[in-house]
PDB file of N, CA and C in Angstrom:
ATOM      1  N   MET A   1       1.298  -4.758 -22.873  1.00  0.00           N
ATOM      2  CA  MET A   1       0.654  -4.952 -21.820  1.00  0.00           C
ATOM      3  C   MET A   1       0.960  -3.671 -20.876  1.00  0.00           C
ATOM      4  N   LYS A   2      -0.245  -3.134 -20.017  1.00  0.00           N
ATOM      5  CA  LYS A   2       0.038  -2.054 -19.302  1.00  0.00           C
ATOM      6  C   LYS A   2      -0.036  -2.596 -17.817  1.00  0.00           C
ATOM      7  N   TYR A   3       0.505  -1.718 -16.937  1.00  0.00           N
ATOM      8  CA  TYR A   3       0.442  -1.862 -15.687  1.00  0.00           C
ATOM      9  C   TYR A   3       0.132  -0.965 -14.738  1.00  0.00           C
ATOM     10  N   ARG A   4      -0.690  -0.958 -13.621  1.00  0.00           N
ATOM     11  CA  ARG A   4      -1.339   0.154 -12.865  1.00  0.00           C
ATOM     12  C   ARG A   4      -1.088  -0.414 -11.517  1.00  0.00           C
ATOM     13  N   VAL A   5      -0.514   0.817 -10.686  1.00  0.00           N
ATOM     14  CA  VAL A   5      -0.262   0.402  -9.353  1.00  0.00           C
ATOM     15  C   VAL A   5      -1.284   1.424  -8.659  1.00  0.00           C
ATOM     16  N   VAL A   6      -2.340   0.859  -7.831  1.00  0.00           N
ATOM     17  CA  VAL A   6      -3.103   1.671  -7.083  1.00  0.00           C
ATOM     18  C   VAL A   6      -2.912   1.803  -5.640  1.00  0.00           C
ATOM     19  N   PHE A   7      -2.838   3.032  -4.882  1.00  0.00           N
ATOM     20  CA  PHE A   7      -2.574   3.149  -3.519  1.00  0.00           C
ATOM     21  C   PHE A   7      -3.601   3.991  -3.022  1.00  0.00           C
ATOM     22  N   GLU A   8      -3.934   3.655  -1.793  1.00  0.00           N
ATOM     23  CA  GLU A   8      -4.785   4.411  -0.646  1.00  0.00           C
ATOM     24  C   GLU A   8      -4.353   4.305   0.597  1.00  0.00           C
ATOM     25  N   TYR A   9      -4.565   5.231   1.339  1.00  0.00           N
ATOM     26  CA  TYR A   9      -4.217   5.507   2.664  1.00  0.00           C
ATOM     27  C   TYR A   9      -5.002   6.427   3.387  1.00  0.00           C
ATOM     28  N   GLN A  10      -5.327   5.960   4.607  1.00  0.00           N
ATOM     29  CA  GLN A  10      -6.349   6.746   5.431  1.00  0.00           C
ATOM     30  C   GLN A  10      -6.247   6.683   6.778  1.00  0.00           C
ATOM     31  N   THR A  11      -6.353   7.940   7.433  1.00  0.00           N
ATOM     32  CA  THR A  11      -6.313   8.062   8.841  1.00  0.00           C
ATOM     33  C   THR A  11      -7.312   8.862   9.333  1.00  0.00           C
ATOM     34  N   GLU A  12      -7.500   8.805  10.578  1.00  0.00           N
ATOM     35  CA  GLU A  12      -8.537   9.766  11.153  1.00  0.00           C
ATOM     36  C   GLU A  12      -8.516  11.147  10.786  1.00  0.00           C
ATOM     37  N   ASP A  13      -7.245  11.697  10.464  1.00  0.00           N
ATOM     38  CA  ASP A  13      -7.090  13.013  10.094  1.00  0.00           C
ATOM     39  C   ASP A  13      -7.047  13.417   8.696  1.00  0.00           C
ATOM     40  N   GLY A  14      -7.081  12.493   7.848  1.00  0.00           N
ATOM     41  CA  GLY A  14      -7.119  12.780   6.306  1.00  0.00           C
ATOM     42  C   GLY A  14      -6.965  11.302   5.492  1.00  0.00           C
ATOM     43  N   ALA A  15      -6.855  11.532   4.187  1.00  0.00           N
ATOM     44  CA  ALA A  15      -6.696  10.335   3.337  1.00  0.00           C
ATOM     45  C   ALA A  15      -5.862  10.877   2.121  1.00  0.00           C
ATOM     46  N   MET A  16      -5.471   9.807   1.242  1.00  0.00           N
ATOM     47  CA  MET A  16      -4.893  10.101   0.050  1.00  0.00           C
ATOM     48  C   MET A  16      -4.930   8.930  -0.834  1.00  0.00           C
ATOM     49  N   SER A  17      -4.736   9.350  -2.045  1.00  0.00           N
ATOM     50  CA  SER A  17      -4.909   7.925  -2.767  1.00  0.00           C
ATOM     51  C   SER A  17      -4.296   8.501  -4.338  1.00  0.00           C
ATOM     52  N   ASP A  18      -3.875   7.540  -5.178  1.00  0.00           N
ATOM     53  CA  ASP A  18      -3.079   7.657  -6.190  1.00  0.00           C
ATOM     54  C   ASP A  18      -3.266   6.367  -7.095  1.00  0.00           C
ATOM     55  N   VAL A  19      -3.138   6.559  -8.456  1.00  0.00           N
ATOM     56  CA  VAL A  19      -2.813   5.647  -9.622  1.00  0.00           C
ATOM     57  C   VAL A  19      -2.005   6.104 -10.269  1.00  0.00           C
ATOM     58  N   TYR A  20      -0.934   5.076 -10.437  1.00  0.00           N
ATOM     59  CA  TYR A  20       0.401   5.138 -11.307  1.00  0.00           C
ATOM     60  C   TYR A  20       0.215   4.147 -12.490  1.00  0.00           C
ATOM     61  N   ASN A  21       0.244   4.773 -13.466  1.00  0.00           N
ATOM     62  CA  ASN A  21       0.214   4.006 -14.897  1.00  0.00           C
ATOM     63  C   ASN A  21       1.881   3.677 -15.345  1.00  0.00           C
ATOM     64  N   CYS A  22       2.035   2.618 -15.520  1.00  0.00           N
ATOM     65  CA  CYS A  22       3.397   1.976 -15.749  1.00  0.00           C
ATOM     66  C   CYS A  22       3.438   1.379 -17.079  1.00  0.00           C
ATOM     67  N   LYS A  23       4.508   1.642 -18.016  1.00  0.00           N
ATOM     68  CA  LYS A  23       4.697   1.350 -19.290  1.00  0.00           C
ATOM     69  C   LYS A  23       5.145  -0.311 -19.332  1.00  0.00           C
ATOM     70  N   ASP A  24       5.954  -0.710 -18.339  1.00  0.00           N
ATOM     71  CA  ASP A  24       6.222  -2.149 -18.249  1.00  0.00           C
ATOM     72  C   ASP A  24       6.229  -2.577 -16.684  1.00  0.00           C
ATOM     73  N   GLU A  25       6.538  -3.896 -16.751  1.00  0.00           N
ATOM     74  CA  GLU A  25       6.461  -4.604 -15.357  1.00  0.00           C
ATOM     75  C   GLU A  25       7.419  -4.198 -14.618  1.00  0.00           C
ATOM     76  N   GLN A  26       8.734  -3.745 -14.918  1.00  0.00           N
ATOM     77  CA  GLN A  26       9.714  -3.374 -13.872  1.00  0.00           C
ATOM     78  C   GLN A  26       9.329  -2.130 -13.266  1.00  0.00           C
ATOM     79  N   ALA A  27       8.937  -1.236 -13.996  1.00  0.00           N
ATOM     80  CA  ALA A  27       8.533   0.047 -13.424  1.00  0.00           C
ATOM     81  C   ALA A  27       7.240  -0.148 -12.491  1.00  0.00           C
ATOM     82  N   ALA A  28       6.311  -0.851 -12.766  1.00  0.00           N
ATOM     83  CA  ALA A  28       5.206  -1.288 -11.883  1.00  0.00           C
ATOM     84  C   ALA A  28       5.831  -1.831 -10.640  1.00  0.00           C
ATOM     85  N   SER A  29       6.708  -3.062 -10.751  1.00  0.00           N
ATOM     86  CA  SER A  29       7.231  -3.595  -9.565  1.00  0.00           C
ATOM     87  C   SER A  29       8.053  -2.843  -8.674  1.00  0.00           C
ATOM     88  N   ASP A  30       8.569  -1.660  -9.410  1.00  0.00           N
ATOM     89  CA  ASP A  30       9.468  -0.793  -8.476  1.00  0.00           C
ATOM     90  C   ASP A  30       8.672   0.069  -7.741  1.00  0.00           C
ATOM     91  N   LYS A  31       7.563   0.499  -8.439  1.00  0.00           N
ATOM     92  CA  LYS A  31       6.584   1.551  -7.740  1.00  0.00           C
ATOM     93  C   LYS A  31       5.803   0.860  -6.645  1.00  0.00           C
ATOM     94  N   PHE A  32       5.279  -0.665  -6.809  1.00  0.00           N
ATOM     95  CA  PHE A  32       4.518  -1.096  -6.086  1.00  0.00           C
ATOM     96  C   PHE A  32       5.554  -1.404  -4.627  1.00  0.00           C
ATOM     97  N   ALA A  33       6.862  -1.820  -4.917  1.00  0.00           N
ATOM     98  CA  ALA A  33       7.701  -2.034  -3.655  1.00  0.00           C
ATOM     99  C   ALA A  33       7.927  -0.704  -3.072  1.00  0.00           C
ATOM    100  N   GLU A  34       7.929   0.418  -3.644  1.00  0.00           N
ATOM    101  CA  GLU A  34       8.207   1.666  -3.079  1.00  0.00           C
ATOM    102  C   GLU A  34       7.149   2.042  -2.226  1.00  0.00           C
ATOM    103  N   LEU A  35       5.640   1.648  -2.585  1.00  0.00           N
ATOM    104  CA  LEU A  35       4.627   1.965  -1.909  1.00  0.00           C
ATOM    105  C   LEU A  35       4.382   1.170  -0.812  1.00  0.00           C
ATOM    106  N   CYS A  36       4.777  -0.139  -0.887  1.00  0.00           N
ATOM    107  CA  CYS A  36       4.603  -1.077   0.177  1.00  0.00           C
ATOM    108  C   CYS A  36       5.678  -0.898   1.393  1.00  0.00           C
ATOM    109  N   ASP A  37       6.723  -0.334   0.896  1.00  0.00           N
ATOM    110  CA  ASP A  37       7.720   0.210   1.903  1.00  0.00           C
ATOM    111  C   ASP A  37       7.298   1.414   2.709  1.00  0.00           C
ATOM    112  N   MET A  38       6.415   2.218   2.160  1.00  0.00           N
ATOM    113  CA  MET A  38       5.919   3.392   2.833  1.00  0.00           C
ATOM    114  C   MET A  38       4.614   2.909   3.740  1.00  0.00           C
ATOM    115  N   LEU A  39       4.174   2.051   3.386  1.00  0.00           N
ATOM    116  CA  LEU A  39       2.935   1.357   4.284  1.00  0.00           C
ATOM    117  C   LEU A  39       3.571   0.606   5.284  1.00  0.00           C
ATOM    118  N   GLU A  40       4.485  -0.004   5.097  1.00  0.00           N
ATOM    119  CA  GLU A  40       5.213  -0.710   6.250  1.00  0.00           C
ATOM    120  C   GLU A  40       5.812   0.139   7.212  1.00  0.00           C
ATOM    121  N   HIS A  41       6.264   1.143   6.843  1.00  0.00           N
ATOM    122  CA  HIS A  41       6.962   2.048   7.963  1.00  0.00           C
ATOM    123  C   HIS A  41       5.796   2.887   8.614  1.00  0.00           C
ATOM    124  N   SER A  42       4.461   2.834   8.159  1.00  0.00           N
ATOM    125  CA  SER A  42       3.423   3.507   8.973  1.00  0.00           C
ATOM    126  C   SER A  42       3.095   2.477  10.121  1.00  0.00           C
ATOM    127  N   ILE A  43       3.633   1.465  10.337  1.00  0.00           N
ATOM    128  CA  ILE A  43       3.385   0.685  11.483  1.00  0.00           C
ATOM    129  C   ILE A  43       4.524   1.129  12.421  1.00  0.00           C
ATOM    130  N   ASP A  44       3.889   1.357  13.721  1.00  0.00           N
ATOM    131  CA  ASP A  44       4.673   2.013  14.831  1.00  0.00           C
ATOM    132  C   ASP A  44       5.625   0.550  15.350  1.00  0.00           C
ATOM    133  N   PRO A  45       6.818   0.667  15.056  1.00  0.00           N
ATOM    134  CA  PRO A  45       7.733  -0.538  15.553  1.00  0.00           C
ATOM    135  C   PRO A  45       7.850  -0.811  16.976  1.00  0.00           C
ATOM    136  N   THR A  46       7.467   0.339  17.785  1.00  0.00           N
ATOM    137  CA  THR A  46       7.667   0.245  19.124  1.00  0.00           C
ATOM    138  C   THR A  46       6.313  -0.474  19.766  1.00  0.00           C
ATOM    139  N   ASP A  47       5.234  -0.441  18.852  1.00  0.00           N
ATOM    140  CA  ASP A  47       3.949  -1.159  19.217  1.00  0.00           C
ATOM    141  C   ASP A  47       3.091  -1.692  17.807  1.00  0.00           C
ATOM    142  N   PRO A  48       3.971  -3.043  17.615  1.00  0.00           N
ATOM    143  CA  PRO A  48       3.302  -3.450  16.322  1.00  0.00           C
ATOM    144  C   PRO A  48       1.896  -4.127  16.529  1.00  0.00           C
ATOM    145  N   THR A  49       1.487  -4.314  17.750  1.00  0.00           N
ATOM    146  CA  THR A  49       0.315  -5.018  18.174  1.00  0.00           C
ATOM    147  C   THR A  49      -0.888  -4.249  17.484  1.00  0.00           C
ATOM    148  N   GLY A  50      -1.836  -4.848  17.248  1.00  0.00           N
ATOM    149  CA  GLY A  50      -3.310  -4.352  16.649  1.00  0.00           C
ATOM    150  C   GLY A  50      -3.188  -4.085  15.251  1.00  0.00           C
ATOM    151  N   TRP A  51      -2.161  -4.515  14.500  1.00  0.00           N
ATOM    152  CA  TRP A  51      -2.065  -4.290  13.185  1.00  0.00           C
ATOM    153  C   TRP A  51      -2.366  -5.756  12.206  1.00  0.00           C
ATOM    154  N   GLU A  52      -3.246  -5.394  11.386  1.00  0.00           N
ATOM    155  CA  GLU A  52      -3.389  -6.685  10.500  1.00  0.00           C
ATOM    156  C   GLU A  52      -2.760  -6.179   8.926  1.00  0.00           C
ATOM    157  N   VAL A  53      -1.970  -7.106   8.718  1.00  0.00           N
ATOM    158  CA  VAL A  53      -1.121  -6.964   7.361  1.00  0.00           C
ATOM    159  C   VAL A  53      -1.436  -8.203   6.494  1.00  0.00           C
ATOM    160  N   VAL A  54      -1.817  -7.720   5.253  1.00  0.00           N
ATOM    161  CA  VAL A  54      -1.918  -8.690   4.050  1.00  0.00           C
ATOM    162  C   VAL A  54      -0.601  -8.420   3.102  1.00  0.00           C
ATOM    163  N   ASP A  55       0.034  -9.562   2.865  1.00  0.00           N
ATOM    164  CA  ASP A  55       1.272  -9.445   2.170  1.00  0.00           C
ATOM    165  C   ASP A  55       1.218 -10.487   0.958  1.00  0.00           C
ATOM    166  N   GLU A  56       0.688 -10.114  -0.181  1.00  0.00           N
ATOM    167  CA  GLU A  56       0.630 -11.039  -1.307  1.00  0.00           C
ATOM    168  C   GLU A  56       1.230 -10.554  -2.515  1.00  0.00           C
ATOM    169  N   PRO A  57       1.524 -11.328  -3.499  1.00  0.00           N
ATOM    170  CA  PRO A  57       2.654 -10.684  -4.623  1.00  0.00           C
ATOM    171  C   PRO A  57       1.871  -9.647  -5.391  1.00  0.00           C
ATOM    172  N   ASP A  58       0.701  -9.213  -5.354  1.00  0.00           N
ATOM    173  CA  ASP A  58      -0.001  -8.120  -6.111  1.00  0.00           C
ATOM    174  C   ASP A  58      -0.784  -7.380  -5.097  1.00  0.00           C
ATOM    175  N   LEU A  59      -0.957  -7.423  -3.760  1.00  0.00           N
ATOM    176  CA  LEU A  59      -1.644  -6.763  -2.872  1.00  0.00           C
ATOM    177  C   LEU A  59      -0.849  -6.501  -1.627  1.00  0.00           C
ATOM    178  N   TYR A  60      -0.903  -5.394  -0.744  1.00  0.00           N
ATOM    179  CA  TYR A  60      -0.053  -5.115   0.458  1.00  0.00           C
ATOM    180  C   TYR A  60      -1.147  -4.346   1.057  1.00  0.00           C
ATOM    181  N   SER A  61      -1.678  -4.740   2.207  1.00  0.00           N
ATOM    182  CA  SER A  61      -2.401  -3.785   3.016  1.00  0.00           C
ATOM    183  C   SER A  61      -2.106  -3.560   4.524  1.00  0.00           C
ATOM    184  N   VAL A  62      -2.290  -2.806   5.066  1.00  0.00           N
ATOM    185  CA  VAL A  62      -2.271  -2.661   6.708  1.00  0.00           C
ATOM    186  C   VAL A  62      -3.541  -1.928   7.207  1.00  0.00           C
ATOM    187  N   ILE A  63      -4.073  -2.667   8.237  1.00  0.00           N
ATOM    188  CA  ILE A  63      -5.158  -2.068   8.918  1.00  0.00           C
ATOM    189  C   ILE A  63      -4.940  -1.786  10.508  1.00  0.00           C
ATOM    190  N   ASN A  64      -5.358  -0.790  11.108  1.00  0.00           N
ATOM    191  CA  ASN A  64      -5.236  -0.681  12.572  1.00  0.00           C
ATOM    192  C   ASN A  64      -6.385  -0.002  12.753  1.00  0.00           C
ATOM    193  N   ARG A  65      -7.502  -0.898  13.314  1.00  0.00           N
ATOM    194  CA  ARG A  65      -8.933  -0.459  13.663  1.00  0.00           C
ATOM    195  C   ARG A  65      -8.896   0.394  14.894  1.00  0.00           C
ATOM    196  N   GLU A  66      -7.969   0.082  15.852  1.00  0.00           N
ATOM    197  CA  GLU A  66      -7.829   1.082  17.006  1.00  0.00           C
ATOM    198  C   GLU A  66      -7.426   2.507  16.719  1.00  0.00           C
ATOM    199  N   GLU A  67      -6.226   2.636  15.900  1.00  0.00           N
ATOM    200  CA  GLU A  67      -5.870   3.897  15.249  1.00  0.00           C
ATOM    201  C   GLU A  67      -6.442   4.559  14.421  1.00  0.00           C
ATOM    202  N   GLY A  68      -7.388   3.802  13.627  1.00  0.00           N
ATOM    203  CA  GLY A  68      -8.236   4.443  12.631  1.00  0.00           C
ATOM    204  C   GLY A  68      -7.315   4.604  11.328  1.00  0.00           C
ATOM    205  N   ILE A  69      -6.381   3.640  11.068  1.00  0.00           N
ATOM    206  CA  ILE A  69      -5.400   3.783   9.946  1.00  0.00           C
ATOM    207  C   ILE A  69      -5.641   2.648   8.937  1.00  0.00           C
ATOM    208  N   CYS A  70      -5.775   2.790   7.847  1.00  0.00           N
ATOM    209  CA  CYS A  70      -5.813   1.782   6.917  1.00  0.00           C
ATOM    210  C   CYS A  70      -5.184   2.237   5.433  1.00  0.00           C
ATOM    211  N   GLY A  71      -4.535   1.268   4.741  1.00  0.00           N
ATOM    212  CA  GLY A  71      -4.040   1.451   3.333  1.00  0.00           C
ATOM    213  C   GLY A  71      -3.742   0.376   2.758  1.00  0.00           C
ATOM    214  N   TYR A  72      -3.524   0.291   1.575  1.00  0.00           N
ATOM    215  CA  TYR A  72      -3.311  -0.683   0.566  1.00  0.00           C
ATOM    216  C   TYR A  72      -2.626  -0.189  -0.567  1.00  0.00           C
ATOM    217  N   VAL A  73      -1.894  -1.063  -1.344  1.00  0.00           N
ATOM    218  CA  VAL A  73      -1.437  -0.891  -2.647  1.00  0.00           C
ATOM    219  C   VAL A  73      -1.771  -2.073  -3.389  1.00  0.00           C
ATOM    220  N   ARG A  74      -1.949  -2.003  -4.655  1.00  0.00           N
ATOM    221  CA  ARG A  74      -2.582  -3.091  -5.340  1.00  0.00           C
ATOM    222  C   ARG A  74      -1.737  -2.933  -6.942  1.00  0.00           C
ATOM    223  N   LEU A  75      -0.986  -3.913  -7.372  1.00  0.00           N
ATOM    224  CA  LEU A  75      -0.618  -3.934  -8.734  1.00  0.00           C
ATOM    225  C   LEU A  75      -1.627  -4.897  -9.737  1.00  0.00           C
ATOM    226  N   LEU A  76      -1.906  -3.973 -10.546  1.00  0.00           N
ATOM    227  CA  LEU A  76      -2.921  -4.594 -11.689  1.00  0.00           C
ATOM    228  C   LEU A  76      -2.421  -4.537 -12.933  1.00  0.00           C
ATOM    229  N   GLU A  77      -2.701  -5.688 -13.977  1.00  0.00           N
ATOM    230  CA  GLU A  77      -2.394  -5.672 -15.167  1.00  0.00           C
ATOM    231  C   GLU A  77      -3.639  -5.308 -16.203  1.00  0.00           C
ATOM    232  N   ASP A  78      -3.490  -4.612 -17.258  1.00  0.00           N
ATOM    233  CA  ASP A  78      -4.642  -4.500 -17.980  1.00  0.00           C
ATOM    234  C   ASP A  78      -4.399  -5.387 -19.206  1.00  0.00           C
TER     235      ASP A  78
END
């Protein structure tokens, strides 16, 4: 079984996206956790209001409509 981790992040200034193909579940879980952590750090700890966060086992997303920021990471099995 193959695993894929899909990442997208967008701000008013630009966007980035990537797809990581992983050979096993552990590698996919590690990459998913790393990217979730990156998205979590995009939230301003001094002003966490205005953020919508979805935290599920295979999806983590953040949205701040006021700031024009959105991003997600998704873990998929093939």
